[in-house]
């Protein structure tokens, strides 16, 4: 038979283990919800996994070196859009600000809203490809038969020439894909349906 002080010690230990297990459980749930935004922030700040960096302006002085930037555009078939770059390849001066144009056309019979995601390849180039202005991750709505141009303002960071892997990159590909975006109906309209 246990003495009362042994029962209290066992009770305190069991309580401590239960609290640690509950803390671990809720901590894991919190990390699961935070992982996507934290990963996105990490990729945007480091250029990891082909994620372009964001910038407010190009460097004051461009390099005398050039690199090819290839543009690729796709759209999900269920969106019903034709989406293509206006120019497939640009030879750009490293460090100089450039604008690339993409054109989308809604081939459907009703208005559609899409949102574009992008990727940079090779993935190591993401750390040196800087977008100043972009249409990606923004909902774009086109009426039936409507066309629109979407600009991307960018530059390739001159630090690419100092990087052991970066200086070996002959060409950077910027690829966009438009997907249907869920349209959120205003509350009154949603209740009426």
N, C-alpha and C. Protein backbone atom coordinates (compact mmCIF):
# COMPACT_ATOMS: atom_id res chain seq x y z
N UNK A 1 0.83 -1.18 0.00
CA UNK A 1 0.00 0.00 0.00
C UNK A 1 0.88 1.24 0.00
N UNK A 2 0.45 2.27 -0.85
CA UNK A 2 1.25 3.49 -0.97
C UNK A 2 0.91 4.45 0.14
N UNK A 3 1.95 5.17 0.55
CA UNK A 3 1.73 6.20 1.54
C UNK A 3 1.16 7.44 0.85
N UNK A 4 0.51 8.34 1.57
CA UNK A 4 -0.11 9.54 0.96
C UNK A 4 0.89 10.42 0.22
N UNK A 5 2.13 10.59 0.71
CA UNK A 5 3.09 11.44 0.02
C UNK A 5 3.57 10.79 -1.28
N UNK A 6 3.59 9.43 -1.37
CA UNK A 6 3.94 8.75 -2.61
C UNK A 6 2.83 8.95 -3.65
N UNK A 7 1.58 8.93 -3.18
CA UNK A 7 0.45 9.17 -4.08
C UNK A 7 0.52 10.58 -4.67
N UNK A 8 0.86 11.54 -3.85
CA UNK A 8 0.95 12.93 -4.30
C UNK A 8 2.08 13.07 -5.32
N UNK A 9 3.23 12.43 -5.06
CA UNK A 9 4.36 12.49 -6.01
C UNK A 9 3.95 11.87 -7.34
N UNK A 10 3.30 10.69 -7.31
CA UNK A 10 2.85 10.03 -8.53
C UNK A 10 1.82 10.90 -9.26
N UNK A 11 0.88 11.48 -8.51
CA UNK A 11 -0.14 12.35 -9.09
C UNK A 11 0.52 13.56 -9.77
N UNK A 12 1.51 14.18 -9.11
CA UNK A 12 2.21 15.34 -9.68
C UNK A 12 2.96 14.95 -10.95
N UNK A 13 3.62 13.81 -10.96
CA UNK A 13 4.33 13.34 -12.15
C UNK A 13 3.36 13.09 -13.30
N UNK A 14 2.27 12.39 -13.01
CA UNK A 14 1.27 12.11 -14.05
C UNK A 14 0.67 13.40 -14.59
N UNK A 15 0.41 14.36 -13.74
CA UNK A 15 -0.13 15.65 -14.16
C UNK A 15 0.87 16.37 -15.06
N UNK A 16 2.13 16.36 -14.68
CA UNK A 16 3.18 17.00 -15.46
C UNK A 16 3.29 16.35 -16.86
N UNK A 17 3.27 15.02 -16.91
CA UNK A 17 3.34 14.30 -18.19
C UNK A 17 2.11 14.63 -19.04
N UNK A 18 0.93 14.65 -18.44
CA UNK A 18 -0.29 14.96 -19.19
C UNK A 18 -0.25 16.39 -19.73
N UNK A 19 0.23 17.34 -18.94
CA UNK A 19 0.33 18.73 -19.40
C UNK A 19 1.35 18.87 -20.53
N UNK A 20 2.48 18.17 -20.41
CA UNK A 20 3.48 18.22 -21.49
C UNK A 20 2.91 17.59 -22.77
N UNK A 21 2.18 16.48 -22.65
CA UNK A 21 1.59 15.84 -23.82
C UNK A 21 0.55 16.76 -24.47
N UNK A 22 -0.27 17.42 -23.65
CA UNK A 22 -1.27 18.34 -24.19
C UNK A 22 -0.59 19.54 -24.85
N UNK A 23 0.48 20.05 -24.23
CA UNK A 23 1.21 21.17 -24.82
C UNK A 23 1.83 20.77 -26.15
N UNK A 24 2.40 19.58 -26.22
CA UNK A 24 2.98 19.08 -27.46
C UNK A 24 1.90 18.93 -28.53
N UNK A 25 0.75 18.38 -28.15
CA UNK A 25 -0.36 18.19 -29.07
C UNK A 25 -0.81 19.53 -29.66
N UNK A 26 -1.08 20.51 -28.82
CA UNK A 26 -1.54 21.81 -29.30
C UNK A 26 -0.43 22.56 -30.05
N UNK A 27 0.81 22.37 -29.63
CA UNK A 27 1.93 22.98 -30.35
C UNK A 27 2.06 22.43 -31.76
N UNK A 28 1.86 21.13 -31.92
CA UNK A 28 1.92 20.51 -33.25
C UNK A 28 0.78 21.00 -34.14
N UNK A 29 -0.41 21.16 -33.58
CA UNK A 29 -1.53 21.70 -34.36
C UNK A 29 -1.21 23.13 -34.79
N UNK A 30 -0.67 23.92 -33.88
CA UNK A 30 -0.30 25.30 -34.22
C UNK A 30 0.75 25.35 -35.31
N UNK A 31 1.74 24.49 -35.24
CA UNK A 31 2.79 24.45 -36.26
C UNK A 31 2.22 24.00 -37.61
N UNK A 32 1.25 23.10 -37.59
CA UNK A 32 0.64 22.66 -38.85
C UNK A 32 -0.06 23.83 -39.53
N UNK A 33 -0.77 24.63 -38.78
CA UNK A 33 -1.45 25.79 -39.37
C UNK A 33 -0.46 26.87 -39.78
N UNK A 34 0.63 27.02 -39.06
CA UNK A 34 1.60 28.08 -39.35
C UNK A 34 2.61 27.67 -40.42
N UNK A 35 2.69 26.40 -40.76
CA UNK A 35 3.75 25.94 -41.66
C UNK A 35 3.65 26.54 -43.07
N UNK A 36 2.45 26.63 -43.62
CA UNK A 36 2.31 27.16 -44.98
C UNK A 36 2.72 28.64 -45.05
N UNK A 37 2.18 29.51 -44.19
CA UNK A 37 2.63 30.91 -44.27
C UNK A 37 4.11 31.07 -43.93
N UNK A 38 4.62 30.31 -42.99
CA UNK A 38 6.04 30.41 -42.64
C UNK A 38 6.91 29.95 -43.80
N UNK A 39 6.51 28.87 -44.47
CA UNK A 39 7.27 28.39 -45.63
C UNK A 39 7.24 29.43 -46.75
N UNK A 40 6.08 30.04 -46.99
CA UNK A 40 5.96 31.07 -48.03
C UNK A 40 6.88 32.25 -47.71
N UNK A 41 6.90 32.69 -46.46
CA UNK A 41 7.77 33.81 -46.06
C UNK A 41 9.23 33.42 -46.24
N UNK A 42 9.58 32.21 -45.84
CA UNK A 42 10.95 31.74 -45.99
C UNK A 42 11.37 31.75 -47.46
N UNK A 43 10.51 31.20 -48.33
CA UNK A 43 10.84 31.13 -49.76
C UNK A 43 10.95 32.52 -50.38
N UNK A 44 10.04 33.43 -50.00
CA UNK A 44 10.06 34.78 -50.56
C UNK A 44 11.27 35.58 -50.09
N UNK A 45 11.76 35.29 -48.91
CA UNK A 45 12.90 36.06 -48.41
C UNK A 45 14.25 35.48 -48.82
N UNK A 46 14.27 34.20 -49.23
CA UNK A 46 15.54 33.58 -49.61
C UNK A 46 15.63 33.19 -51.07
N UNK A 47 14.50 33.16 -51.78
CA UNK A 47 14.51 32.69 -53.16
C UNK A 47 14.56 31.18 -53.25
N UNK A 48 14.30 30.50 -52.13
CA UNK A 48 14.37 29.05 -52.08
C UNK A 48 13.31 28.43 -52.99
N UNK A 49 13.67 27.33 -53.63
CA UNK A 49 12.76 26.53 -54.43
C UNK A 49 12.17 27.30 -55.61
N UNK A 50 12.96 28.19 -56.20
CA UNK A 50 12.51 28.91 -57.39
C UNK A 50 11.55 30.04 -57.13
N UNK A 51 11.48 30.53 -55.90
CA UNK A 51 10.59 31.64 -55.58
C UNK A 51 11.32 32.95 -55.83
N UNK A 52 10.73 33.79 -56.66
CA UNK A 52 11.35 35.08 -56.97
C UNK A 52 11.31 35.99 -55.74
N UNK A 53 12.31 36.82 -55.62
CA UNK A 53 12.35 37.78 -54.52
C UNK A 53 11.54 39.02 -54.92
N UNK A 54 11.11 39.78 -53.93
CA UNK A 54 10.39 41.02 -54.19
C UNK A 54 11.32 42.18 -53.96
N UNK A 55 11.18 43.18 -54.80
CA UNK A 55 12.02 44.38 -54.68
C UNK A 55 11.16 45.59 -54.99
N UNK A 56 11.62 46.76 -54.56
CA UNK A 56 10.89 47.99 -54.86
C UNK A 56 11.46 48.70 -56.07
N UNK A 57 12.73 48.42 -56.38
CA UNK A 57 13.35 49.03 -57.55
C UNK A 57 14.62 48.25 -57.91
N UNK A 58 15.07 48.49 -59.14
CA UNK A 58 16.29 47.84 -59.62
C UNK A 58 17.51 48.56 -59.06
N UNK A 59 18.69 47.93 -59.11
CA UNK A 59 19.90 48.60 -58.64
C UNK A 59 20.19 49.86 -59.46
N UNK A 60 20.95 50.77 -58.86
CA UNK A 60 21.30 52.03 -59.53
C UNK A 60 22.09 51.79 -60.81
N UNK A 61 22.96 50.79 -60.77
CA UNK A 61 23.82 50.55 -61.92
C UNK A 61 23.72 49.09 -62.35
N UNK A 62 23.54 48.90 -63.66
CA UNK A 62 23.43 47.55 -64.21
C UNK A 62 24.83 47.04 -64.57
N UNK A 63 24.93 45.73 -64.68
CA UNK A 63 26.17 45.08 -65.10
C UNK A 63 26.31 45.20 -66.62
N UNK A 64 27.47 44.89 -67.12
CA UNK A 64 27.65 44.87 -68.58
C UNK A 64 27.39 43.47 -69.14
N UNK A 65 26.95 42.55 -68.29
CA UNK A 65 26.66 41.17 -68.70
C UNK A 65 25.16 41.01 -68.98
N UNK A 66 24.84 40.01 -69.80
CA UNK A 66 23.46 39.74 -70.19
C UNK A 66 23.10 38.30 -69.87
N UNK A 67 21.80 38.06 -69.75
CA UNK A 67 21.28 36.71 -69.53
C UNK A 67 19.94 36.61 -70.24
N UNK A 68 19.61 35.43 -70.72
CA UNK A 68 18.31 35.21 -71.35
C UNK A 68 17.28 34.87 -70.28
N UNK A 69 16.09 35.47 -70.42
CA UNK A 69 14.96 35.14 -69.56
C UNK A 69 13.87 34.61 -70.48
N UNK A 70 13.48 33.37 -70.26
CA UNK A 70 12.45 32.71 -71.06
C UNK A 70 11.13 32.79 -70.29
N UNK A 71 10.04 32.96 -71.02
CA UNK A 71 8.71 33.08 -70.39
C UNK A 71 7.83 31.93 -70.85
N UNK A 72 7.13 31.36 -69.90
CA UNK A 72 6.25 30.24 -70.15
C UNK A 72 4.90 30.57 -69.51
N UNK A 73 3.81 30.26 -70.19
CA UNK A 73 2.48 30.56 -69.65
C UNK A 73 1.52 29.43 -69.95
N UNK A 74 0.71 29.08 -68.97
CA UNK A 74 -0.28 28.02 -69.08
C UNK A 74 -1.54 28.45 -68.34
N UNK A 75 -2.64 27.80 -68.66
CA UNK A 75 -3.86 28.01 -67.87
C UNK A 75 -4.57 26.67 -67.73
N UNK A 76 -5.20 26.51 -66.60
CA UNK A 76 -5.95 25.28 -66.35
C UNK A 76 -7.11 25.20 -67.34
N UNK A 77 -7.37 24.03 -67.87
CA UNK A 77 -8.41 23.87 -68.90
C UNK A 77 -9.78 24.29 -68.40
N UNK A 78 -10.07 24.06 -67.12
CA UNK A 78 -11.40 24.42 -66.59
C UNK A 78 -11.61 25.93 -66.51
N UNK A 79 -10.55 26.71 -66.62
CA UNK A 79 -10.69 28.17 -66.61
C UNK A 79 -11.19 28.67 -67.96
N UNK A 80 -10.81 27.99 -69.03
CA UNK A 80 -11.27 28.38 -70.36
C UNK A 80 -10.56 29.60 -70.93
N UNK A 81 -9.33 29.84 -70.49
CA UNK A 81 -8.56 30.99 -70.96
C UNK A 81 -7.42 30.54 -71.85
N UNK A 82 -7.05 31.42 -72.78
CA UNK A 82 -5.80 31.29 -73.51
C UNK A 82 -4.85 32.27 -72.84
N UNK A 83 -3.66 31.82 -72.50
CA UNK A 83 -2.72 32.65 -71.75
C UNK A 83 -1.33 32.42 -72.33
N UNK A 84 -0.67 33.51 -72.74
CA UNK A 84 0.65 33.37 -73.38
C UNK A 84 1.49 34.62 -73.16
N UNK A 85 2.82 34.45 -73.19
CA UNK A 85 3.69 35.63 -73.12
C UNK A 85 3.68 36.35 -74.46
N UNK A 86 3.83 37.66 -74.43
CA UNK A 86 3.91 38.44 -75.67
C UNK A 86 5.25 38.19 -76.36
N UNK A 87 6.27 37.86 -75.55
CA UNK A 87 7.61 37.58 -76.07
C UNK A 87 8.12 36.35 -75.33
N UNK A 88 8.57 35.35 -76.07
CA UNK A 88 8.99 34.10 -75.44
C UNK A 88 10.32 34.20 -74.71
N UNK A 89 11.26 34.99 -75.24
CA UNK A 89 12.59 35.12 -74.65
C UNK A 89 13.01 36.58 -74.72
N UNK A 90 13.61 37.05 -73.64
CA UNK A 90 14.21 38.39 -73.62
C UNK A 90 15.68 38.24 -73.23
N UNK A 91 16.55 38.95 -73.92
CA UNK A 91 17.95 39.03 -73.52
C UNK A 91 18.05 40.29 -72.68
N UNK A 92 18.29 40.13 -71.36
CA UNK A 92 18.26 41.27 -70.45
C UNK A 92 19.64 41.55 -69.88
N UNK A 93 19.87 42.81 -69.64
CA UNK A 93 21.10 43.22 -68.99
C UNK A 93 20.93 42.97 -67.49
N UNK A 94 21.89 42.30 -66.89
CA UNK A 94 21.81 41.97 -65.47
C UNK A 94 21.84 43.25 -64.65
N UNK A 95 20.82 43.41 -63.80
CA UNK A 95 20.69 44.59 -62.95
C UNK A 95 19.77 45.66 -63.53
N UNK A 96 19.37 45.52 -64.79
CA UNK A 96 18.51 46.50 -65.44
C UNK A 96 17.04 46.10 -65.27
N UNK A 97 16.18 47.11 -65.03
CA UNK A 97 14.75 46.86 -64.90
C UNK A 97 14.15 46.55 -66.26
N UNK A 98 13.26 45.54 -66.31
CA UNK A 98 12.63 45.10 -67.55
C UNK A 98 11.14 44.90 -67.31
N UNK A 99 10.38 44.93 -68.41
CA UNK A 99 8.94 44.65 -68.34
C UNK A 99 8.63 43.57 -69.36
N UNK A 100 7.97 42.53 -68.90
CA UNK A 100 7.48 41.46 -69.78
C UNK A 100 5.96 41.51 -69.74
N UNK A 101 5.35 41.29 -70.89
CA UNK A 101 3.89 41.32 -70.97
C UNK A 101 3.34 39.94 -71.29
N UNK A 102 2.24 39.61 -70.63
CA UNK A 102 1.52 38.37 -70.87
C UNK A 102 0.10 38.76 -71.28
N UNK A 103 -0.51 37.94 -72.12
CA UNK A 103 -1.87 38.23 -72.55
C UNK A 103 -2.77 37.04 -72.24
N UNK A 104 -3.93 37.36 -71.68
CA UNK A 104 -4.93 36.34 -71.38
C UNK A 104 -6.22 36.68 -72.11
N UNK A 105 -6.92 35.64 -72.56
CA UNK A 105 -8.21 35.83 -73.23
C UNK A 105 -9.18 34.78 -72.69
N UNK A 106 -10.36 35.26 -72.29
CA UNK A 106 -11.41 34.36 -71.83
C UNK A 106 -12.16 33.85 -73.05
N UNK A 107 -12.00 32.58 -73.37
CA UNK A 107 -12.65 31.96 -74.53
C UNK A 107 -14.03 31.40 -74.20
N UNK A 108 -14.43 31.53 -72.94
CA UNK A 108 -15.71 30.98 -72.51
C UNK A 108 -16.89 31.89 -72.83
N UNK A 109 -18.06 31.44 -72.41
CA UNK A 109 -19.30 32.18 -72.67
C UNK A 109 -19.77 32.95 -71.45
N UNK A 110 -19.01 32.90 -70.37
CA UNK A 110 -19.36 33.65 -69.17
C UNK A 110 -18.09 34.18 -68.49
N UNK A 111 -18.28 35.10 -67.59
CA UNK A 111 -17.16 35.73 -66.87
C UNK A 111 -16.46 34.69 -65.99
N UNK A 112 -15.14 34.74 -65.98
CA UNK A 112 -14.33 33.84 -65.15
C UNK A 112 -13.29 34.63 -64.40
N UNK A 113 -12.96 34.16 -63.22
CA UNK A 113 -11.91 34.77 -62.40
C UNK A 113 -10.81 33.76 -62.19
N UNK A 114 -9.58 34.20 -62.44
CA UNK A 114 -8.43 33.33 -62.27
C UNK A 114 -7.37 33.98 -61.41
N UNK A 115 -6.46 33.17 -60.95
CA UNK A 115 -5.32 33.64 -60.18
C UNK A 115 -4.09 32.88 -60.66
N UNK A 116 -2.99 33.59 -60.86
CA UNK A 116 -1.78 32.97 -61.40
C UNK A 116 -0.76 32.68 -60.30
N UNK A 117 -0.10 31.56 -60.45
CA UNK A 117 1.05 31.22 -59.62
C UNK A 117 2.25 31.14 -60.54
N UNK A 118 3.44 31.28 -59.99
CA UNK A 118 4.63 31.28 -60.83
C UNK A 118 5.69 30.36 -60.26
N UNK A 119 6.68 30.12 -61.10
CA UNK A 119 7.84 29.35 -60.69
C UNK A 119 9.03 29.84 -61.50
N UNK A 120 10.19 29.78 -60.89
CA UNK A 120 11.44 30.16 -61.53
C UNK A 120 12.29 28.89 -61.67
N UNK A 121 12.88 28.71 -62.84
CA UNK A 121 13.82 27.61 -62.97
C UNK A 121 15.04 28.08 -63.75
N UNK A 122 16.19 27.56 -63.42
CA UNK A 122 16.44 26.58 -62.37
C UNK A 122 16.17 27.19 -60.98
N UNK A 123 15.85 26.34 -60.00
CA UNK A 123 15.48 26.84 -58.68
C UNK A 123 16.52 27.78 -58.04
N UNK A 124 17.80 27.57 -58.33
CA UNK A 124 18.84 28.44 -57.74
C UNK A 124 18.74 29.87 -58.27
N UNK A 125 18.10 30.05 -59.43
CA UNK A 125 17.95 31.39 -60.00
C UNK A 125 16.94 32.23 -59.22
N UNK A 126 16.07 31.58 -58.44
CA UNK A 126 15.06 32.31 -57.66
C UNK A 126 15.67 33.31 -56.70
N UNK A 127 16.87 33.05 -56.22
CA UNK A 127 17.53 33.96 -55.29
C UNK A 127 18.02 35.23 -55.98
N UNK A 128 18.02 35.26 -57.31
CA UNK A 128 18.55 36.41 -58.05
C UNK A 128 17.51 37.06 -58.95
N UNK A 129 16.35 36.46 -59.06
CA UNK A 129 15.29 37.02 -59.90
C UNK A 129 14.36 37.84 -59.01
N UNK A 130 14.30 39.13 -59.24
CA UNK A 130 13.52 40.04 -58.39
C UNK A 130 12.35 40.63 -59.17
N UNK A 131 11.16 40.48 -58.61
CA UNK A 131 9.97 41.08 -59.21
C UNK A 131 9.65 42.38 -58.48
N UNK A 132 9.45 43.43 -59.24
CA UNK A 132 9.07 44.72 -58.68
C UNK A 132 7.55 44.83 -58.70
N UNK A 133 6.93 44.37 -59.77
CA UNK A 133 5.48 44.39 -59.89
C UNK A 133 5.05 43.14 -60.63
N UNK A 134 3.95 42.52 -60.17
CA UNK A 134 3.52 41.26 -60.76
C UNK A 134 2.02 41.09 -60.57
N UNK A 135 1.39 40.37 -61.47
CA UNK A 135 -0.04 40.09 -61.39
C UNK A 135 -0.33 38.80 -60.63
N UNK A 136 0.71 38.07 -60.24
CA UNK A 136 0.51 36.77 -59.61
C UNK A 136 -0.17 36.89 -58.25
N UNK A 137 -0.92 35.87 -57.92
CA UNK A 137 -1.66 35.74 -56.66
C UNK A 137 -2.76 36.79 -56.50
N UNK A 138 -3.06 37.53 -57.56
CA UNK A 138 -4.12 38.52 -57.54
C UNK A 138 -5.24 38.01 -58.44
N UNK A 139 -6.46 38.10 -57.96
CA UNK A 139 -7.59 37.64 -58.77
C UNK A 139 -7.76 38.54 -59.99
N UNK A 140 -7.87 37.90 -61.15
CA UNK A 140 -8.07 38.62 -62.40
C UNK A 140 -9.38 38.11 -62.99
N UNK A 141 -10.27 39.03 -63.32
CA UNK A 141 -11.57 38.66 -63.87
C UNK A 141 -11.67 39.12 -65.32
N UNK A 142 -12.07 38.21 -66.18
CA UNK A 142 -12.28 38.52 -67.59
C UNK A 142 -13.70 38.13 -67.98
N UNK A 143 -14.39 39.03 -68.66
CA UNK A 143 -15.73 38.73 -69.18
C UNK A 143 -15.58 37.81 -70.38
N UNK A 144 -16.67 37.22 -70.81
CA UNK A 144 -16.65 36.33 -71.97
C UNK A 144 -16.08 37.07 -73.18
N UNK A 145 -15.07 36.48 -73.82
CA UNK A 145 -14.44 37.08 -74.99
C UNK A 145 -13.46 38.20 -74.70
N UNK A 146 -13.32 38.59 -73.46
CA UNK A 146 -12.43 39.71 -73.10
C UNK A 146 -10.97 39.25 -73.04
N UNK A 147 -10.08 40.17 -73.43
CA UNK A 147 -8.63 39.96 -73.33
C UNK A 147 -8.03 41.02 -72.43
N UNK A 148 -6.89 40.69 -71.84
CA UNK A 148 -6.18 41.66 -70.99
C UNK A 148 -4.69 41.36 -71.04
N UNK A 149 -3.90 42.42 -70.88
CA UNK A 149 -2.45 42.29 -70.77
C UNK A 149 -2.05 42.39 -69.31
N UNK A 150 -1.11 41.56 -68.91
CA UNK A 150 -0.62 41.55 -67.55
C UNK A 150 0.89 41.76 -67.57
N UNK A 151 1.37 42.87 -67.00
CA UNK A 151 2.81 43.14 -66.99
C UNK A 151 3.52 42.55 -65.77
N UNK A 152 4.78 42.23 -65.96
CA UNK A 152 5.67 41.83 -64.87
C UNK A 152 6.91 42.70 -65.00
N UNK A 153 7.20 43.45 -63.94
CA UNK A 153 8.41 44.28 -63.91
C UNK A 153 9.43 43.54 -63.06
N UNK A 154 10.63 43.36 -63.59
CA UNK A 154 11.62 42.52 -62.91
C UNK A 154 13.04 42.97 -63.24
N UNK A 155 13.99 42.42 -62.50
CA UNK A 155 15.41 42.53 -62.83
C UNK A 155 16.14 41.32 -62.29
N UNK A 156 17.27 41.02 -62.87
CA UNK A 156 18.13 39.95 -62.38
C UNK A 156 19.23 40.61 -61.57
N UNK A 157 19.35 40.20 -60.32
CA UNK A 157 20.31 40.79 -59.38
C UNK A 157 21.75 40.56 -59.86
N UNK A 158 22.57 41.61 -59.87
CA UNK A 158 23.97 41.46 -60.27
C UNK A 158 24.76 40.48 -59.39
N UNK A 159 24.26 40.18 -58.20
CA UNK A 159 24.94 39.22 -57.33
C UNK A 159 24.98 37.82 -57.95
N UNK A 160 24.18 37.59 -58.98
CA UNK A 160 24.21 36.29 -59.66
C UNK A 160 25.61 36.03 -60.24
N UNK A 161 26.31 37.11 -60.60
CA UNK A 161 27.65 36.97 -61.19
C UNK A 161 28.71 36.63 -60.15
N UNK A 162 28.41 36.85 -58.87
CA UNK A 162 29.35 36.56 -57.79
C UNK A 162 29.13 35.17 -57.19
N UNK A 163 27.96 34.58 -57.45
CA UNK A 163 27.61 33.29 -56.87
C UNK A 163 28.21 32.17 -57.70
N UNK A 164 28.80 31.17 -57.02
CA UNK A 164 29.45 30.06 -57.72
C UNK A 164 28.49 29.32 -58.64
N UNK A 165 27.26 29.07 -58.19
CA UNK A 165 26.28 28.39 -59.03
C UNK A 165 25.58 29.37 -59.96
N UNK A 166 25.30 30.56 -59.46
CA UNK A 166 24.55 31.55 -60.23
C UNK A 166 25.24 31.99 -61.51
N UNK A 167 26.54 32.16 -61.47
CA UNK A 167 27.24 32.65 -62.66
C UNK A 167 27.28 31.62 -63.78
N UNK A 168 26.91 30.37 -63.48
CA UNK A 168 26.88 29.32 -64.49
C UNK A 168 25.50 29.18 -65.16
N UNK A 169 24.53 29.94 -64.70
CA UNK A 169 23.17 29.84 -65.24
C UNK A 169 23.10 30.59 -66.57
N UNK A 170 22.83 29.89 -67.67
CA UNK A 170 22.78 30.56 -68.97
C UNK A 170 21.43 31.19 -69.27
N UNK A 171 20.36 30.67 -68.61
CA UNK A 171 19.01 31.14 -68.91
C UNK A 171 18.12 30.91 -67.70
N UNK A 172 17.22 31.86 -67.46
CA UNK A 172 16.24 31.76 -66.38
C UNK A 172 14.87 31.64 -67.03
N UNK A 173 14.04 30.74 -66.53
CA UNK A 173 12.68 30.60 -67.04
C UNK A 173 11.70 31.05 -65.96
N UNK A 174 10.83 31.98 -66.34
CA UNK A 174 9.73 32.45 -65.48
C UNK A 174 8.46 31.83 -66.05
N UNK A 175 7.83 30.98 -65.27
CA UNK A 175 6.66 30.24 -65.72
C UNK A 175 5.44 30.62 -64.88
N UNK A 176 4.33 30.92 -65.56
CA UNK A 176 3.07 31.26 -64.88
C UNK A 176 2.00 30.27 -65.29
N UNK A 177 1.12 29.94 -64.34
CA UNK A 177 -0.06 29.14 -64.63
C UNK A 177 -1.26 29.81 -63.97
N UNK A 178 -2.31 30.04 -64.76
CA UNK A 178 -3.56 30.59 -64.24
C UNK A 178 -4.48 29.44 -63.86
N UNK A 179 -5.06 29.54 -62.66
CA UNK A 179 -6.04 28.58 -62.17
C UNK A 179 -7.33 29.31 -61.86
N UNK A 180 -8.46 28.60 -61.88
CA UNK A 180 -9.71 29.25 -61.47
C UNK A 180 -9.60 29.69 -60.01
N UNK A 181 -10.08 30.90 -59.75
CA UNK A 181 -10.10 31.41 -58.38
C UNK A 181 -11.53 31.31 -57.87
N UNK A 182 -11.68 30.86 -56.65
CA UNK A 182 -13.02 30.80 -56.08
C UNK A 182 -13.49 32.21 -55.84
N UNK A 183 -14.67 32.51 -56.31
CA UNK A 183 -15.25 33.84 -56.13
C UNK A 183 -16.11 33.80 -54.88
N UNK A 184 -15.83 34.70 -53.95
CA UNK A 184 -16.61 34.78 -52.72
C UNK A 184 -17.78 35.72 -52.97
N UNK A 185 -18.98 35.17 -52.83
CA UNK A 185 -20.17 36.00 -53.05
C UNK A 185 -20.42 36.90 -51.84
N UNK A 186 -20.92 38.11 -52.08
CA UNK A 186 -21.30 38.95 -50.94
C UNK A 186 -22.37 38.21 -50.11
N UNK A 187 -22.44 38.49 -48.83
CA UNK A 187 -23.32 37.77 -47.90
C UNK A 187 -24.79 37.81 -48.35
N UNK A 188 -25.28 38.95 -48.77
CA UNK A 188 -26.70 39.06 -49.18
C UNK A 188 -26.97 38.19 -50.39
N UNK A 189 -26.06 38.19 -51.34
CA UNK A 189 -26.23 37.42 -52.57
C UNK A 189 -26.15 35.92 -52.26
N UNK A 190 -25.24 35.53 -51.38
CA UNK A 190 -25.08 34.13 -51.02
C UNK A 190 -26.34 33.61 -50.32
N UNK A 191 -26.95 34.43 -49.45
CA UNK A 191 -28.15 34.01 -48.74
C UNK A 191 -29.36 33.92 -49.67
N UNK A 192 -29.38 34.72 -50.74
CA UNK A 192 -30.49 34.72 -51.67
C UNK A 192 -30.53 33.45 -52.51
N UNK A 193 -29.37 32.81 -52.70
CA UNK A 193 -29.29 31.61 -53.55
C UNK A 193 -29.72 30.41 -52.83
